[in-house]
Amino acid sequence: MASLTTKELTFIEDELRAEEIIAKTINWCATLCDDEQLKNTLEQLAQFHQENILDLSKYFNRSQDIQ
């Protein structure tokens, strides 16, 4: 695997932060919902973004070990 540039690592960090904000915002919205179906949908969507965070974190950590 080729080393990532500093710019590429910065993009990954930015995406991690964006995914964290999205997941937290969607979870917050879910807590405000009275409609159970909408609440469940929002919780699933937040979970999807939390999984993206884990995937990106794994890739980011592995990339830093390589450099």
N, C-alpha and C. Protein backbone atom coordinates (compact mmCIF):
# COMPACT_ATOMS: atom_id res chain seq x y z
N MET A 1 0.85 -1.17 0.00
CA MET A 1 0.00 0.00 0.00
C MET A 1 0.90 1.24 0.00
N ALA A 2 0.61 2.18 -0.85
CA ALA A 2 1.39 3.41 -0.95
C ALA A 2 1.07 4.33 0.22
N SER A 3 2.05 5.10 0.62
CA SER A 3 1.84 6.07 1.69
C SER A 3 0.92 7.19 1.21
N LEU A 4 0.12 7.67 2.13
CA LEU A 4 -0.76 8.79 1.81
C LEU A 4 -0.01 10.09 2.07
N THR A 5 -0.34 11.08 1.29
CA THR A 5 0.27 12.39 1.50
C THR A 5 -0.39 13.06 2.70
N THR A 6 0.24 14.11 3.18
CA THR A 6 -0.32 14.89 4.28
C THR A 6 -1.68 15.44 3.89
N LYS A 7 -1.80 15.89 2.66
CA LYS A 7 -3.07 16.44 2.18
C LYS A 7 -4.16 15.36 2.19
N GLU A 8 -3.83 14.16 1.75
CA GLU A 8 -4.81 13.07 1.75
C GLU A 8 -5.22 12.70 3.18
N LEU A 9 -4.26 12.67 4.09
CA LEU A 9 -4.59 12.38 5.49
C LEU A 9 -5.48 13.47 6.08
N THR A 10 -5.23 14.71 5.69
CA THR A 10 -6.07 15.82 6.15
C THR A 10 -7.49 15.66 5.65
N PHE A 11 -7.65 15.24 4.40
CA PHE A 11 -8.99 15.00 3.86
C PHE A 11 -9.71 13.92 4.65
N ILE A 12 -8.99 12.87 5.03
CA ILE A 12 -9.59 11.79 5.82
C ILE A 12 -10.00 12.31 7.19
N GLU A 13 -9.14 13.10 7.82
CA GLU A 13 -9.49 13.70 9.11
C GLU A 13 -10.73 14.58 8.99
N ASP A 14 -10.80 15.37 7.94
CA ASP A 14 -11.96 16.24 7.71
C ASP A 14 -13.23 15.41 7.55
N GLU A 15 -13.13 14.32 6.82
CA GLU A 15 -14.29 13.45 6.62
C GLU A 15 -14.71 12.80 7.93
N LEU A 16 -13.75 12.41 8.75
CA LEU A 16 -14.07 11.86 10.06
C LEU A 16 -14.85 12.86 10.90
N ARG A 17 -14.39 14.10 10.92
CA ARG A 17 -15.09 15.14 11.68
C ARG A 17 -16.50 15.36 11.14
N ALA A 18 -16.63 15.38 9.84
CA ALA A 18 -17.94 15.57 9.23
C ALA A 18 -18.89 14.43 9.59
N GLU A 19 -18.39 13.21 9.52
CA GLU A 19 -19.22 12.04 9.87
C GLU A 19 -19.64 12.10 11.34
N GLU A 20 -18.74 12.54 12.21
CA GLU A 20 -19.09 12.65 13.63
C GLU A 20 -20.19 13.68 13.84
N ILE A 21 -20.08 14.81 13.18
CA ILE A 21 -21.10 15.85 13.31
C ILE A 21 -22.44 15.35 12.78
N ILE A 22 -22.41 14.68 11.64
CA ILE A 22 -23.65 14.16 11.05
C ILE A 22 -24.30 13.15 11.98
N ALA A 23 -23.51 12.20 12.49
CA ALA A 23 -24.07 11.17 13.38
C ALA A 23 -24.66 11.78 14.63
N LYS A 24 -23.96 12.73 15.25
CA LYS A 24 -24.48 13.38 16.46
C LYS A 24 -25.75 14.17 16.18
N THR A 25 -25.77 14.87 15.06
CA THR A 25 -26.95 15.67 14.72
C THR A 25 -28.16 14.78 14.46
N ILE A 26 -27.95 13.70 13.73
CA ILE A 26 -29.07 12.80 13.43
C ILE A 26 -29.56 12.12 14.71
N ASN A 27 -28.64 11.73 15.59
CA ASN A 27 -29.06 11.16 16.88
C ASN A 27 -29.87 12.16 17.69
N TRP A 28 -29.44 13.41 17.69
CA TRP A 28 -30.17 14.46 18.40
C TRP A 28 -31.56 14.61 17.82
N CYS A 29 -31.66 14.63 16.50
CA CYS A 29 -32.97 14.74 15.84
C CYS A 29 -33.86 13.56 16.21
N ALA A 30 -33.28 12.37 16.30
CA ALA A 30 -34.06 11.18 16.66
C ALA A 30 -34.65 11.32 18.06
N THR A 31 -33.90 11.94 18.96
CA THR A 31 -34.43 12.10 20.33
C THR A 31 -35.63 13.05 20.38
N LEU A 32 -35.76 13.89 19.37
CA LEU A 32 -36.86 14.86 19.34
C LEU A 32 -38.12 14.31 18.65
N CYS A 33 -38.00 13.13 18.05
CA CYS A 33 -39.11 12.60 17.26
C CYS A 33 -40.15 11.91 18.14
N ASP A 34 -41.40 12.21 17.83
CA ASP A 34 -42.51 11.50 18.45
C ASP A 34 -42.95 10.32 17.58
N ASP A 35 -42.68 10.41 16.30
CA ASP A 35 -43.04 9.36 15.35
C ASP A 35 -42.00 8.24 15.44
N GLU A 36 -42.44 7.07 15.88
CA GLU A 36 -41.50 5.95 16.09
C GLU A 36 -40.84 5.48 14.79
N GLN A 37 -41.58 5.49 13.70
CA GLN A 37 -41.00 5.05 12.43
C GLN A 37 -39.88 6.01 11.99
N LEU A 38 -40.14 7.30 12.10
CA LEU A 38 -39.13 8.29 11.75
C LEU A 38 -37.93 8.20 12.70
N LYS A 39 -38.22 8.03 13.98
CA LYS A 39 -37.15 7.90 14.97
C LYS A 39 -36.26 6.71 14.65
N ASN A 40 -36.85 5.57 14.33
CA ASN A 40 -36.07 4.38 13.98
C ASN A 40 -35.24 4.61 12.72
N THR A 41 -35.83 5.26 11.74
CA THR A 41 -35.10 5.56 10.50
C THR A 41 -33.90 6.45 10.78
N LEU A 42 -34.10 7.47 11.59
CA LEU A 42 -33.00 8.37 11.94
C LEU A 42 -31.91 7.64 12.72
N GLU A 43 -32.32 6.78 13.63
CA GLU A 43 -31.33 6.01 14.41
C GLU A 43 -30.52 5.09 13.50
N GLN A 44 -31.18 4.49 12.52
CA GLN A 44 -30.46 3.63 11.56
C GLN A 44 -29.49 4.46 10.72
N LEU A 45 -29.92 5.63 10.32
CA LEU A 45 -29.06 6.52 9.54
C LEU A 45 -27.85 6.97 10.37
N ALA A 46 -28.08 7.30 11.62
CA ALA A 46 -26.97 7.68 12.51
C ALA A 46 -26.01 6.51 12.69
N GLN A 47 -26.54 5.31 12.81
CA GLN A 47 -25.69 4.12 12.94
C GLN A 47 -24.82 3.93 11.69
N PHE A 48 -25.39 4.18 10.53
CA PHE A 48 -24.64 4.09 9.28
C PHE A 48 -23.44 5.04 9.31
N HIS A 49 -23.66 6.26 9.77
CA HIS A 49 -22.58 7.25 9.84
C HIS A 49 -21.56 6.89 10.92
N GLN A 50 -22.02 6.29 12.00
CA GLN A 50 -21.09 5.84 13.05
C GLN A 50 -20.20 4.70 12.52
N GLU A 51 -20.76 3.86 11.69
CA GLU A 51 -19.97 2.79 11.07
C GLU A 51 -18.95 3.39 10.09
N ASN A 52 -19.34 4.45 9.39
CA ASN A 52 -18.38 5.15 8.52
C ASN A 52 -17.21 5.68 9.34
N ILE A 53 -17.50 6.20 10.51
CA ILE A 53 -16.45 6.72 11.40
C ILE A 53 -15.48 5.59 11.75
N LEU A 54 -16.01 4.45 12.11
CA LEU A 54 -15.15 3.32 12.45
C LEU A 54 -14.30 2.88 11.27
N ASP A 55 -14.91 2.80 10.11
CA ASP A 55 -14.17 2.39 8.91
C ASP A 55 -13.08 3.39 8.57
N LEU A 56 -13.40 4.66 8.59
CA LEU A 56 -12.41 5.69 8.29
C LEU A 56 -11.29 5.71 9.34
N SER A 57 -11.66 5.52 10.59
CA SER A 57 -10.66 5.51 11.66
C SER A 57 -9.68 4.36 11.48
N LYS A 58 -10.19 3.20 11.13
CA LYS A 58 -9.32 2.04 10.89
C LYS A 58 -8.36 2.33 9.75
N TYR A 59 -8.89 2.89 8.67
CA TYR A 59 -8.04 3.19 7.52
C TYR A 59 -7.02 4.26 7.88
N PHE A 60 -7.44 5.28 8.60
CA PHE A 60 -6.56 6.38 8.99
C PHE A 60 -5.45 5.85 9.90
N ASN A 61 -5.79 5.03 10.87
CA ASN A 61 -4.79 4.48 11.79
C ASN A 61 -3.80 3.57 11.06
N ARG A 62 -4.31 2.78 10.13
CA ARG A 62 -3.44 1.90 9.35
C ARG A 62 -2.51 2.72 8.46
N SER A 63 -3.02 3.80 7.89
CA SER A 63 -2.20 4.65 7.02
C SER A 63 -1.10 5.34 7.80
N GLN A 64 -1.37 5.75 9.02
CA GLN A 64 -0.36 6.42 9.82
C GLN A 64 0.75 5.45 10.20
N ASP A 65 0.41 4.18 10.41
CA ASP A 65 1.43 3.19 10.73
C ASP A 65 2.39 2.96 9.58
N ILE A 66 1.91 3.14 8.37
CA ILE A 66 2.72 2.88 7.18
C ILE A 66 3.74 3.97 6.96
N GLN A 67 3.37 5.23 7.26
CA GLN A 67 4.27 6.35 6.97
C GLN A 67 5.49 6.32 7.86
